[in-house]
Amino acid sequence: MLSSDKYYLKIGKASDLKSPKERLIYRAFEIMPGALSWLTLLGVVFLSWLQPIWVAFFIIAFDVYWLLKTVYLSVHLRFSYYKMKKQIKINWLEKVKSVKNKDWQDVYHLVILPFYNESFEVARETFQAIINSDYPKDKIIVVLGAEERAGQPAQDIAQRIKEEFGDQFYKFLITTHPQDIVGELAGKAANITWMAKQAKKDIIDACPAGRDKKIPYENIVVSCFDIDTQIFPKYFSCLTYYYLTAEKPTQTSYQPIPVYNNNIWEAPSISRVVATSGTFWQMIQQQRPERLSTFSSQALSFKTLNDIDFWTTSIVSEDSRVFWQCLLYYNGDYKVVPLNYPVSMDANLAQTFWKTATNVYKQQRRWGWGSENIPFLTFGFLKNKKISLQKKFHWTWIQIEGFWSWATNAILIFILGWLPLFLGGDKFNVTLLSYNLPRVTRTLMTLAMIGLIGSAIYSTLLLPKRPKKYGIINHLGMVVQWILVPFTILFLGAIPGLEAQTRLMLGKYMGFWVTPKQEVK
């Protein structure tokens, strides 16, 4: 249990706080992300009418910034790609055996796999990937977590998985998360917290047969995956190496790169572009560890997880929130180490194109709801006086600027950039600036779009082997699809991000939306 002075680590929303003053402060922080985004967008509209010359210069400056940022990120993407290819080739199991003063065989891996209504086939592929890994299976504990609200079908799937794979690990545990627990939000965070606590009670603290004493918490590394996450063969040995060589292994999270290769050939182009763009962003972030926080599949010490009293069960974005919990708990002395090693997941795929597009939008909106961490972080910084002001500013700026950019940049570039021409009036439209504005912005954006060539190249390099049922035309489509980027970053990026921030601003809190997993036939 957390000490009373760390109560703020479990806040889900403003109403969770008992003090009216604290509720007001937290609510103001909830309003802030959406307010900043809307003030930016509405401010540009208003100033395009009132001061069109100012806005025109702002647009040109912003387009230059966008071009430079594209070049900067493209360089990081290039280095990240080659780093990842190098990491894949390393024999990590041999390398981990050479670590001095530490015995790799003391390290156990606890794999947490929650599921809801996904199929047996999706779960089976994930388990088969674990079996195919090079790490000794007698050092792996697997917890498969069903939801009571999913009914008997989920129980049947769990039992089928146990029958096929259960005896191949050191320990295998099936849990069922009860529904309607007071204070919980139905979703992943509540389930994985239940799973981890059950594993602690039934396995870790139970002194399993054949052991004189329980496994030390600091010797257990927890990997929390979605049920569709298929690890690459050397994932556990790579993770073990980084864990043993970390300066402070229990004050560190370990982040692989999510690639969406499980069904990439089957998914429609719009889903592929959004998924691969997400991969590119995570690859870029791995080259900037000072800005890196946790996302989706990740790992951390069980001691760490126990120290922070596990995940917060009343939120949507538990994958990123856990990092902020750790940062605040350890008074700023916590970081994420990039593994530069991939894990494979599913891209959005539904029965129809429009259903897939809808699911992509909903998933992006859910990820955009990660802006709920901004009020959590800023409020936590107010309460924790032991974290340096520099570190507080560093992380606050990264989060606010990141979500502001997500919600506004594409709209500023593709829509609002033309407003001075329409709202500036005759006084502006007769100026030389009004004549040159479209030409300057068009040139800058054309140069920025050259980055799409790099995206097309790296996306094809990341592809798994083409199935026999697909021809060269399908391969060509993997390149041509990148012309969709202006559409995807606007309608499947900025707009769902802005909607999420608007909901948070208005107090219309989101529930957890489970991304449907469509099995590949």
Protein backbone atom coordinates (compact mmCIF):
# COMPACT_ATOMS: atom_id res chain seq x y z
CA MET A 1 0.00 0.00 0.00
CA LEU A 2 1.08 3.55 -0.69
CA SER A 3 1.82 5.88 2.20
CA SER A 4 -0.78 8.56 2.86
CA ASP A 5 1.44 11.32 1.48
CA LYS A 6 1.49 9.58 -1.92
CA TYR A 7 -2.30 9.61 -2.31
CA TYR A 8 -2.06 11.62 -5.52
CA LEU A 9 -0.50 8.65 -7.36
CA LYS A 10 -3.91 7.00 -7.66
CA ILE A 11 -5.96 9.93 -8.93
CA GLY A 12 -8.08 9.17 -11.98
CA LYS A 13 -9.92 12.50 -12.31
CA ALA A 14 -10.64 15.66 -10.38
CA SER A 15 -13.64 14.23 -8.52
CA ASP A 16 -11.40 11.58 -6.90
CA LEU A 17 -9.92 14.27 -4.66
CA LYS A 18 -11.52 15.00 -1.29
CA SER A 19 -10.37 18.60 -0.91
CA PRO A 20 -12.51 21.16 -2.82
CA LYS A 21 -9.40 23.28 -3.39
CA GLU A 22 -7.47 20.35 -4.83
CA ARG A 23 -10.43 19.35 -7.01
CA LEU A 24 -10.53 22.87 -8.43
CA ILE A 25 -6.79 22.87 -9.17
CA TYR A 26 -6.91 19.44 -10.78
CA ARG A 27 -9.98 20.40 -12.82
CA ALA A 28 -8.14 23.47 -14.10
CA PHE A 29 -5.30 21.22 -15.22
CA GLU A 30 -7.83 18.98 -17.00
CA ILE A 31 -9.17 21.98 -18.89
CA MET A 32 -5.70 23.21 -19.88
CA PRO A 33 -4.77 20.88 -22.82
CA GLY A 34 -8.03 21.40 -24.69
CA ALA A 35 -8.13 25.10 -23.88
CA LEU A 36 -4.63 25.63 -25.30
CA SER A 37 -5.51 23.78 -28.50
CA TRP A 38 -8.80 25.59 -29.03
CA LEU A 39 -7.28 28.99 -28.18
CA THR A 40 -4.63 28.35 -30.82
CA LEU A 41 -7.11 27.36 -33.53
CA LEU A 42 -9.70 30.02 -32.76
CA GLY A 43 -6.97 32.60 -32.27
CA VAL A 44 -5.64 31.98 -35.77
CA VAL A 45 -9.17 32.33 -37.20
CA PHE A 46 -9.83 35.57 -35.33
CA LEU A 47 -6.42 37.10 -36.09
CA SER A 48 -6.72 36.15 -39.77
CA TRP A 49 -9.53 38.68 -39.88
CA LEU A 50 -8.08 41.22 -37.44
CA GLN A 51 -4.35 41.01 -38.24
CA PRO A 52 -3.92 38.95 -41.44
CA ILE A 53 -0.33 40.11 -41.98
CA TRP A 54 0.70 38.81 -38.56
CA VAL A 55 -0.97 35.48 -39.25
CA ALA A 56 0.61 35.22 -42.69
CA PHE A 57 4.08 35.61 -41.21
CA PHE A 58 3.16 33.14 -38.45
CA ILE A 59 2.04 30.60 -41.06
CA ILE A 60 5.27 30.95 -43.02
CA ALA A 61 7.34 30.62 -39.84
CA PHE A 62 5.28 27.62 -38.77
CA ASP A 63 5.75 25.93 -42.15
CA VAL A 64 9.52 26.48 -41.88
CA TYR A 65 9.39 24.93 -38.40
CA TRP A 66 7.43 21.97 -39.79
CA LEU A 67 9.99 21.47 -42.56
CA LEU A 68 12.93 21.55 -40.15
CA LYS A 69 11.12 19.23 -37.77
CA THR A 70 10.46 16.78 -40.61
CA VAL A 71 14.16 16.71 -41.48
CA TYR A 72 15.13 16.32 -37.82
CA LEU A 73 12.73 13.44 -37.23
CA SER A 74 13.69 11.75 -40.50
CA VAL A 75 17.31 11.63 -39.39
CA HIS A 76 16.30 10.03 -36.09
CA LEU A 77 14.12 7.51 -37.94
CA ARG A 78 17.04 6.49 -40.13
CA PHE A 79 19.36 5.92 -37.17
CA SER A 80 16.64 4.08 -35.26
CA TYR A 81 15.97 1.71 -38.15
CA TYR A 82 19.61 0.67 -38.46
CA LYS A 83 19.93 0.39 -34.68
CA MET A 84 16.91 -1.93 -34.57
CA LYS A 85 18.26 -4.12 -37.38
CA LYS A 86 21.53 -4.40 -35.49
CA GLN A 87 19.75 -5.29 -32.24
CA ILE A 88 17.80 -8.07 -33.96
CA LYS A 89 21.01 -9.74 -35.12
CA ILE A 90 22.74 -9.79 -31.71
CA ASN A 91 22.87 -13.08 -29.81
CA TRP A 92 21.48 -11.64 -26.59
CA LEU A 93 21.46 -14.93 -24.72
CA GLU A 94 25.21 -15.24 -25.15
CA LYS A 95 25.70 -11.58 -24.34
CA VAL A 96 23.68 -11.74 -21.14
CA LYS A 97 25.83 -14.63 -19.92
CA SER A 98 28.87 -12.34 -20.05
CA VAL A 99 27.44 -9.75 -17.64
CA LYS A 100 29.85 -9.54 -14.71
CA ASN A 101 28.86 -9.87 -11.06
CA LYS A 102 25.26 -10.79 -11.92
CA ASP A 103 23.72 -14.15 -12.72
CA TRP A 104 21.19 -13.95 -15.53
CA GLN A 105 19.63 -17.20 -14.35
CA ASP A 106 18.34 -15.40 -11.27
CA VAL A 107 16.04 -13.34 -13.49
CA TYR A 108 12.45 -14.50 -14.00
CA HIS A 109 10.01 -12.98 -16.46
CA LEU A 110 6.38 -12.43 -15.52
CA VAL A 111 4.28 -12.02 -18.67
CA ILE A 112 0.87 -10.40 -18.20
CA LEU A 113 -1.61 -11.07 -21.02
CA PRO A 114 -5.09 -9.61 -20.47
CA PHE A 115 -7.87 -10.34 -22.93
CA TYR A 116 -11.56 -9.65 -23.34
CA ASN A 117 -13.34 -10.98 -26.43
CA GLU A 118 -10.37 -11.79 -28.68
CA SER A 119 -10.34 -15.15 -30.42
CA PHE A 120 -8.46 -18.30 -29.45
CA GLU A 121 -6.40 -18.00 -32.63
CA VAL A 122 -5.16 -14.52 -31.69
CA ALA A 123 -4.16 -15.70 -28.21
CA ARG A 124 -2.56 -18.87 -29.53
CA GLU A 125 -0.24 -16.99 -31.89
CA THR A 126 0.95 -14.88 -28.96
CA PHE A 127 1.71 -17.93 -26.84
CA GLN A 128 3.44 -19.68 -29.71
CA ALA A 129 5.75 -16.68 -30.09
CA ILE A 130 6.70 -16.95 -26.40
CA ILE A 131 7.41 -20.67 -26.82
CA ASN A 132 9.59 -19.89 -29.84
CA SER A 133 11.72 -17.42 -27.88
CA ASP A 134 15.28 -18.35 -26.94
CA TYR A 135 14.90 -17.70 -23.20
CA PRO A 136 14.51 -20.75 -20.91
CA LYS A 137 10.81 -21.36 -20.39
CA ASP A 138 11.43 -22.49 -16.81
CA LYS A 139 12.27 -18.85 -16.10
CA ILE A 140 8.98 -17.54 -17.48
CA ILE A 141 5.73 -17.07 -15.56
CA VAL A 142 2.64 -16.37 -17.66
CA VAL A 143 -0.64 -14.94 -16.39
CA LEU A 144 -3.61 -15.04 -18.76
CA GLY A 145 -6.34 -12.72 -17.54
CA ALA A 146 -9.97 -13.08 -18.59
CA GLU A 147 -12.82 -10.72 -17.74
CA GLU A 148 -15.89 -11.97 -15.89
CA ARG A 149 -18.03 -9.73 -18.11
CA ALA A 150 -16.76 -11.64 -21.18
CA GLY A 151 -18.65 -14.72 -19.99
CA GLN A 152 -18.02 -18.41 -20.61
CA PRO A 153 -16.40 -18.01 -24.06
CA ALA A 154 -13.41 -16.28 -22.46
CA GLN A 155 -13.11 -19.07 -19.89
CA ASP A 156 -13.17 -21.67 -22.65
CA ILE A 157 -10.38 -19.88 -24.53
CA ALA A 158 -8.27 -19.64 -21.38
CA GLN A 159 -8.67 -23.36 -20.69
CA ARG A 160 -7.74 -24.27 -24.28
CA ILE A 161 -4.59 -22.15 -23.98
CA LYS A 162 -3.74 -23.81 -20.67
CA GLU A 163 -4.18 -27.28 -22.11
CA GLU A 164 -1.82 -26.53 -24.99
CA PHE A 165 0.80 -24.33 -23.33
CA GLY A 166 0.30 -24.37 -19.56
CA ASP A 167 2.90 -27.02 -18.71
CA GLN A 168 5.65 -25.41 -20.80
CA PHE A 169 6.37 -22.53 -18.40
CA TYR A 170 7.72 -22.27 -14.86
CA LYS A 171 4.23 -21.26 -13.78
CA PHE A 172 1.00 -20.60 -15.64
CA LEU A 173 -1.97 -18.86 -14.05
CA ILE A 174 -5.46 -18.06 -15.30
CA THR A 175 -7.25 -15.20 -13.57
CA THR A 176 -10.75 -13.81 -13.95
CA HIS A 177 -11.21 -10.15 -13.16
CA PRO A 178 -14.57 -9.60 -11.40
CA GLN A 179 -16.90 -7.07 -12.94
CA ASP A 180 -18.40 -4.04 -11.22
CA ILE A 181 -15.70 -3.50 -8.58
CA VAL A 182 -16.44 -0.15 -6.94
CA GLY A 183 -14.05 2.59 -8.02
CA GLU A 184 -12.77 0.77 -11.10
CA LEU A 185 -13.17 1.71 -14.74
CA ALA A 186 -13.96 -1.36 -16.84
CA GLY A 187 -10.84 -1.81 -18.94
CA LYS A 188 -7.28 -3.02 -19.19
CA ALA A 189 -5.85 -1.23 -16.14
CA ALA A 190 -8.25 -2.89 -13.73
CA ASN A 191 -7.67 -6.32 -15.26
CA ILE A 192 -3.86 -6.23 -15.26
CA THR A 193 -3.81 -4.94 -11.69
CA TRP A 194 -5.97 -7.88 -10.66
CA MET A 195 -3.68 -10.23 -12.59
CA ALA A 196 -0.49 -8.91 -11.02
CA LYS A 197 -1.93 -9.08 -7.51
CA GLN A 198 -3.13 -12.64 -8.06
CA ALA A 199 0.30 -13.62 -9.37
CA LYS A 200 1.87 -12.08 -6.29
CA LYS A 201 -0.44 -13.98 -3.95
CA ASP A 202 -0.60 -17.34 -5.71
CA ILE A 203 2.90 -17.63 -7.18
CA ILE A 204 5.50 -15.07 -6.13
CA ASP A 205 4.71 -14.95 -2.40
CA ALA A 206 3.58 -18.57 -2.21
CA CYS A 207 7.07 -20.15 -2.34
CA PRO A 208 6.29 -22.52 -5.23
CA ALA A 209 7.19 -26.17 -4.90
CA GLY A 210 10.90 -26.83 -5.24
CA ARG A 211 11.97 -23.45 -3.83
CA ASP A 212 13.14 -22.80 -0.28
CA LYS A 213 12.13 -19.16 -0.44
CA LYS A 214 10.16 -16.86 -2.69
CA ILE A 215 11.71 -15.18 -5.71
CA PRO A 216 12.94 -11.69 -4.75
CA TYR A 217 10.76 -9.01 -6.31
CA GLU A 218 13.82 -7.34 -7.84
CA ASN A 219 14.59 -10.58 -9.73
CA ILE A 220 11.26 -10.53 -11.55
CA VAL A 221 10.80 -8.46 -14.71
CA VAL A 222 7.18 -7.83 -15.70
CA SER A 223 6.25 -7.57 -19.38
CA CYS A 224 2.71 -6.30 -19.88
CA PHE A 225 1.35 -7.05 -23.35
CA ASP A 226 -1.91 -6.86 -25.25
CA ILE A 227 -3.13 -10.33 -26.19
CA ASP A 228 -2.11 -9.80 -29.84
CA THR A 229 1.52 -8.96 -28.99
CA GLN A 230 3.90 -11.45 -30.57
CA ILE A 231 7.45 -11.14 -29.31
CA PHE A 232 10.51 -11.58 -31.50
CA PRO A 233 12.66 -14.60 -30.55
CA LYS A 234 15.31 -12.72 -28.56
CA TYR A 235 13.01 -10.36 -26.68
CA PHE A 236 13.46 -11.87 -23.20
CA SER A 237 17.23 -12.29 -23.50
CA CYS A 238 17.55 -8.71 -24.79
CA LEU A 239 15.36 -7.41 -21.96
CA THR A 240 17.35 -9.41 -19.40
CA TYR A 241 20.60 -7.90 -20.62
CA TYR A 242 19.29 -4.35 -20.32
CA TYR A 243 17.81 -5.11 -16.91
CA LEU A 244 21.08 -6.49 -15.55
CA THR A 245 23.16 -3.64 -16.97
CA ALA A 246 20.85 -0.77 -16.01
CA GLU A 247 22.27 1.71 -13.54
CA LYS A 248 19.15 1.41 -11.39
CA PRO A 249 17.19 -1.56 -12.77
CA THR A 250 14.25 -1.17 -10.39
CA GLN A 251 13.93 2.53 -11.22
CA THR A 252 13.75 1.96 -14.94
CA SER A 253 11.12 0.93 -17.48
CA TYR A 254 12.13 -0.91 -20.64
CA GLN A 255 10.46 0.00 -23.91
CA PRO A 256 10.46 -2.15 -27.07
CA ILE A 257 9.35 -0.84 -30.46
CA PRO A 258 5.79 -1.79 -31.48
CA VAL A 259 5.53 -2.84 -35.12
CA TYR A 260 2.15 -3.83 -36.52
CA ASN A 261 3.23 -6.74 -38.68
CA ASN A 262 0.87 -9.51 -37.53
CA ASN A 263 -1.73 -8.65 -40.16
CA ILE A 264 -0.13 -5.79 -42.08
CA TRP A 265 -0.68 -7.47 -45.47
CA GLU A 266 -4.37 -7.99 -44.76
CA ALA A 267 -5.12 -4.54 -43.32
CA PRO A 268 -6.39 -1.79 -45.67
CA SER A 269 -4.06 1.02 -46.67
CA ILE A 270 -5.53 3.60 -44.31
CA SER A 271 -4.94 1.31 -41.34
CA ARG A 272 -1.41 0.46 -42.49
CA VAL A 273 -0.40 4.10 -42.84
CA VAL A 274 -1.67 5.04 -39.37
CA ALA A 275 -0.14 1.94 -37.75
CA THR A 276 3.23 2.35 -39.44
CA SER A 277 3.27 6.06 -38.64
CA GLY A 278 2.85 5.07 -34.99
CA THR A 279 5.78 2.68 -35.31
CA PHE A 280 7.90 5.43 -36.85
CA TRP A 281 7.09 7.77 -33.98
CA GLN A 282 8.12 5.17 -31.41
CA MET A 283 11.32 4.48 -33.35
CA ILE A 284 12.12 8.19 -33.33
CA GLN A 285 11.43 8.43 -29.60
CA GLN A 286 13.87 5.58 -28.95
CA GLN A 287 16.60 7.85 -30.29
CA ARG A 288 15.51 10.56 -27.84
CA PRO A 289 15.47 8.72 -24.48
CA GLU A 290 15.33 12.01 -22.58
CA ARG A 291 11.79 12.42 -23.99
CA LEU A 292 10.76 8.77 -23.85
CA SER A 293 7.84 7.57 -21.74
CA THR A 294 6.17 4.18 -21.77
CA PHE A 295 3.68 3.11 -24.44
CA SER A 296 1.68 -0.07 -25.05
CA SER A 297 3.96 -3.12 -24.61
CA GLN A 298 6.58 -2.44 -21.93
CA ALA A 299 8.50 -3.95 -19.03
CA LEU A 300 9.49 -2.99 -15.49
CA SER A 301 10.60 -4.63 -12.25
CA PHE A 302 7.99 -6.35 -10.12
CA LYS A 303 9.50 -4.52 -7.14
CA THR A 304 8.72 -1.24 -8.87
CA LEU A 305 5.18 -2.33 -9.64
CA ASN A 306 4.65 -3.40 -6.04
CA ASP A 307 6.15 -0.15 -4.71
CA ILE A 308 3.66 2.01 -6.63
CA ASP A 309 0.76 -0.32 -5.68
CA PHE A 310 0.32 -1.45 -9.30
CA TRP A 311 -1.61 0.39 -11.98
CA THR A 312 -4.34 2.96 -11.40
CA THR A 313 -7.61 1.11 -12.02
CA SER A 314 -9.83 4.10 -12.83
CA ILE A 315 -8.11 5.39 -15.98
CA VAL A 316 -7.86 4.63 -19.70
CA SER A 317 -4.19 5.30 -20.50
CA GLU A 318 -2.55 2.92 -18.03
CA ASP A 319 0.37 2.16 -20.36
CA SER A 320 1.73 5.71 -20.13
CA ARG A 321 0.35 6.54 -16.67
CA VAL A 322 2.49 3.87 -15.00
CA PHE A 323 5.62 5.79 -16.00
CA TRP A 324 4.33 8.99 -14.44
CA GLN A 325 3.38 7.09 -11.28
CA CYS A 326 6.95 5.79 -11.06
CA LEU A 327 8.48 9.19 -11.80
CA LEU A 328 6.52 10.78 -8.96
CA TYR A 329 6.99 7.87 -6.54
CA TYR A 330 10.78 7.89 -6.95
CA ASN A 331 10.94 11.69 -6.74
CA GLY A 332 11.99 12.16 -10.35
CA ASP A 333 14.68 9.46 -10.26
CA TYR A 334 13.10 7.22 -12.87
CA LYS A 335 13.61 6.77 -16.61
CA VAL A 336 12.78 4.67 -19.64
CA VAL A 337 15.51 2.68 -21.38
CA PRO A 338 14.86 2.07 -25.10
CA LEU A 339 15.43 -1.54 -26.14
CA ASN A 340 15.52 -0.70 -29.86
CA TYR A 341 14.06 -4.19 -30.26
CA PRO A 342 10.63 -4.87 -31.78
CA VAL A 343 7.48 -6.65 -30.73
CA SER A 344 4.75 -7.30 -33.30
CA MET A 345 1.09 -6.39 -32.90
CA ASP A 346 -2.10 -6.19 -34.97
CA ALA A 347 -3.01 -3.26 -37.17
CA ASN A 348 -6.69 -2.33 -37.17
CA LEU A 349 -8.66 -4.73 -39.34
CA ALA A 350 -12.43 -5.12 -39.43
CA GLN A 351 -14.96 -6.78 -41.74
CA THR A 352 -15.34 -3.66 -43.93
CA PHE A 353 -13.18 -0.70 -44.89
CA TRP A 354 -15.46 1.79 -43.16
CA LYS A 355 -15.56 -0.24 -39.97
CA THR A 356 -11.77 -0.38 -40.02
CA ALA A 357 -11.58 3.40 -40.52
CA THR A 358 -14.00 3.89 -37.61
CA ASN A 359 -11.90 1.63 -35.39
CA VAL A 360 -8.74 3.51 -36.35
CA TYR A 361 -10.42 6.78 -35.36
CA LYS A 362 -11.56 5.34 -32.02
CA GLN A 363 -8.13 3.93 -31.27
CA GLN A 364 -6.46 7.26 -32.04
CA ARG A 365 -9.01 9.01 -29.83
CA ARG A 366 -8.22 6.59 -27.01
CA TRP A 367 -4.52 7.26 -27.42
CA GLY A 368 -5.27 10.98 -27.56
CA TRP A 369 -6.99 10.55 -24.21
CA GLY A 370 -3.45 10.16 -22.88
CA SER A 371 -3.76 13.91 -22.34
CA GLU A 372 -5.41 12.89 -19.06
CA ASN A 373 -1.84 12.42 -17.83
CA ILE A 374 -1.15 16.16 -18.10
CA PRO A 375 -3.34 17.10 -15.10
CA PHE A 376 -2.07 14.05 -13.21
CA LEU A 377 1.55 15.02 -13.82
CA THR A 378 1.21 18.74 -13.13
CA PHE A 379 -0.79 18.12 -9.96
CA GLY A 380 1.76 15.52 -8.84
CA PHE A 381 4.56 18.01 -9.42
CA LEU A 382 2.77 20.50 -7.18
CA LYS A 383 2.54 17.91 -4.42
CA ASN A 384 6.04 16.44 -4.72
CA LYS A 385 8.56 19.01 -3.53
CA LYS A 386 11.55 16.66 -3.89
CA ILE A 387 11.64 16.78 -7.70
CA SER A 388 13.84 19.50 -9.17
CA LEU A 389 12.18 22.44 -10.90
CA GLN A 390 14.21 21.71 -14.02
CA LYS A 391 12.87 18.16 -14.25
CA LYS A 392 9.32 19.34 -13.62
CA PHE A 393 9.58 21.89 -16.42
CA HIS A 394 11.20 19.34 -18.74
CA TRP A 395 8.41 16.77 -18.48
CA THR A 396 5.57 19.29 -18.30
CA TRP A 397 6.76 20.98 -21.49
CA ILE A 398 7.20 17.68 -23.34
CA GLN A 399 3.68 16.54 -22.48
CA ILE A 400 1.89 19.83 -23.14
CA GLU A 401 3.78 20.57 -26.36
CA GLY A 402 3.31 17.00 -27.57
CA PHE A 403 -0.46 16.89 -27.16
CA TRP A 404 -0.85 20.48 -28.38
CA SER A 405 1.07 19.58 -31.54
CA TRP A 406 -1.02 16.44 -32.00
CA ALA A 407 -4.29 18.36 -31.91
CA THR A 408 -3.32 21.51 -33.80
CA ASN A 409 -0.39 21.19 -36.20
CA ALA A 410 -2.09 19.35 -39.06
CA ILE A 411 -5.11 21.65 -38.84
CA LEU A 412 -2.90 24.74 -38.91
CA ILE A 413 -1.04 23.47 -41.97
CA PHE A 414 -3.80 22.03 -44.13
CA ILE A 415 -6.82 24.19 -43.24
CA LEU A 416 -6.09 27.41 -41.38
CA GLY A 417 -3.07 28.36 -43.48
CA TRP A 418 -5.35 29.80 -46.14
CA LEU A 419 -7.53 31.89 -43.83
CA PRO A 420 -5.72 35.24 -44.24
CA LEU A 421 -6.59 35.13 -47.95
CA PHE A 422 -10.29 34.64 -47.20
CA LEU A 423 -10.67 36.75 -44.06
CA GLY A 424 -7.99 39.39 -44.55
CA GLY A 425 -10.14 41.63 -46.72
CA ASP A 426 -9.15 43.83 -49.64
CA LYS A 427 -6.49 45.65 -47.64
CA PHE A 428 -4.52 42.44 -47.21
CA ASN A 429 -5.34 40.86 -50.57
CA VAL A 430 -3.71 43.68 -52.53
CA THR A 431 -0.38 43.20 -50.75
CA LEU A 432 2.59 41.37 -52.18
CA LEU A 433 2.51 39.08 -49.14
CA SER A 434 -0.98 37.82 -50.00
CA TYR A 435 0.21 37.04 -53.53
CA ASN A 436 3.27 35.11 -52.35
CA LEU A 437 1.75 33.38 -49.30
CA PRO A 438 0.26 30.41 -51.22
CA ARG A 439 3.45 29.96 -53.23
CA VAL A 440 5.73 30.06 -50.19
CA THR A 441 3.60 27.67 -48.15
CA ARG A 442 3.16 25.32 -51.11
CA THR A 443 6.92 25.20 -51.66
CA LEU A 444 7.68 24.58 -47.99
CA MET A 445 5.06 21.86 -47.69
CA THR A 446 6.25 20.19 -50.90
CA LEU A 447 9.76 20.05 -49.46
CA ALA A 448 8.38 18.67 -46.19
CA MET A 449 6.48 15.98 -48.07
CA ILE A 450 9.79 14.64 -49.38
CA GLY A 451 9.92 12.97 -45.99
CA LEU A 452 7.15 10.69 -47.27
CA ILE A 453 9.69 9.09 -49.59
CA GLY A 454 11.70 8.01 -46.57
CA SER A 455 8.52 6.76 -44.89
CA ALA A 456 7.65 4.67 -47.93
CA ILE A 457 11.15 3.17 -48.05
CA TYR A 458 11.35 2.30 -44.35
CA SER A 459 7.80 0.95 -44.30
CA THR A 460 8.70 -1.59 -47.00
CA LEU A 461 11.92 -2.50 -45.19
CA LEU A 462 9.92 -3.25 -42.04
CA LEU A 463 7.45 -5.52 -43.83
CA PRO A 464 7.37 -9.23 -43.05
CA LYS A 465 7.73 -11.64 -45.94
CA ARG A 466 4.93 -11.22 -48.48
CA PRO A 467 2.38 -14.07 -48.32
CA LYS A 468 2.12 -16.07 -51.52
CA LYS A 469 -1.48 -15.00 -52.08
CA TYR A 470 -0.34 -11.38 -52.57
CA GLY A 471 1.42 -10.21 -55.72
CA ILE A 472 3.77 -7.43 -56.68
CA ILE A 473 0.82 -5.03 -57.04
CA ASN A 474 0.16 -5.38 -53.32
CA HIS A 475 3.81 -4.63 -52.64
CA LEU A 476 3.57 -1.53 -54.81
CA GLY A 477 0.52 -0.49 -52.83
CA MET A 478 2.67 -0.42 -49.70
CA VAL A 479 4.60 2.43 -51.31
CA VAL A 480 1.76 4.34 -52.97
CA GLN A 481 -0.30 4.32 -49.76
CA TRP A 482 1.83 7.12 -48.30
CA ILE A 483 0.01 9.69 -50.41
CA LEU A 484 -2.75 9.25 -47.80
CA VAL A 485 -0.64 10.90 -45.08
CA PRO A 486 -2.18 14.40 -45.40
CA PHE A 487 -5.59 12.78 -44.90
CA THR A 488 -4.57 10.46 -42.05
CA ILE A 489 -2.69 13.01 -39.95
CA LEU A 490 -5.66 15.37 -40.19
CA PHE A 491 -8.75 13.17 -39.94
CA LEU A 492 -7.21 10.20 -38.09
CA GLY A 493 -4.70 12.18 -36.07
CA ALA A 494 -5.45 15.78 -35.21
CA ILE A 495 -9.25 15.53 -35.08
CA PRO A 496 -9.51 12.49 -32.75
CA GLY A 497 -6.74 14.04 -30.63
CA LEU A 498 -8.66 17.31 -30.43
CA GLU A 499 -11.87 15.47 -29.60
CA ALA A 500 -10.18 13.67 -26.71
CA GLN A 501 -8.83 16.93 -25.30
CA THR A 502 -12.21 18.59 -25.72
CA ARG A 503 -13.91 15.78 -23.82
CA LEU A 504 -11.37 16.15 -21.01
CA MET A 505 -11.85 19.93 -21.01
CA LEU A 506 -15.63 19.55 -20.70
CA GLY A 507 -15.43 16.78 -18.11
CA LYS A 508 -16.93 14.22 -20.51
CA TYR A 509 -14.64 11.41 -19.37
CA MET A 510 -13.99 8.52 -21.72
CA GLY A 511 -14.30 4.84 -20.93
CA PHE A 512 -11.90 2.18 -22.17
CA TRP A 513 -12.58 1.14 -25.76
CA VAL A 514 -11.22 -2.31 -26.63
CA THR A 515 -9.69 -2.42 -30.12
CA PRO A 516 -11.30 -5.37 -31.95
CA LYS A 517 -8.81 -8.01 -33.10
CA GLN A 518 -9.75 -9.55 -36.44
CA GLU A 519 -7.98 -12.88 -36.92
CA VAL A 520 -6.27 -13.48 -40.24
CA LYS A 521 -7.68 -16.40 -42.18
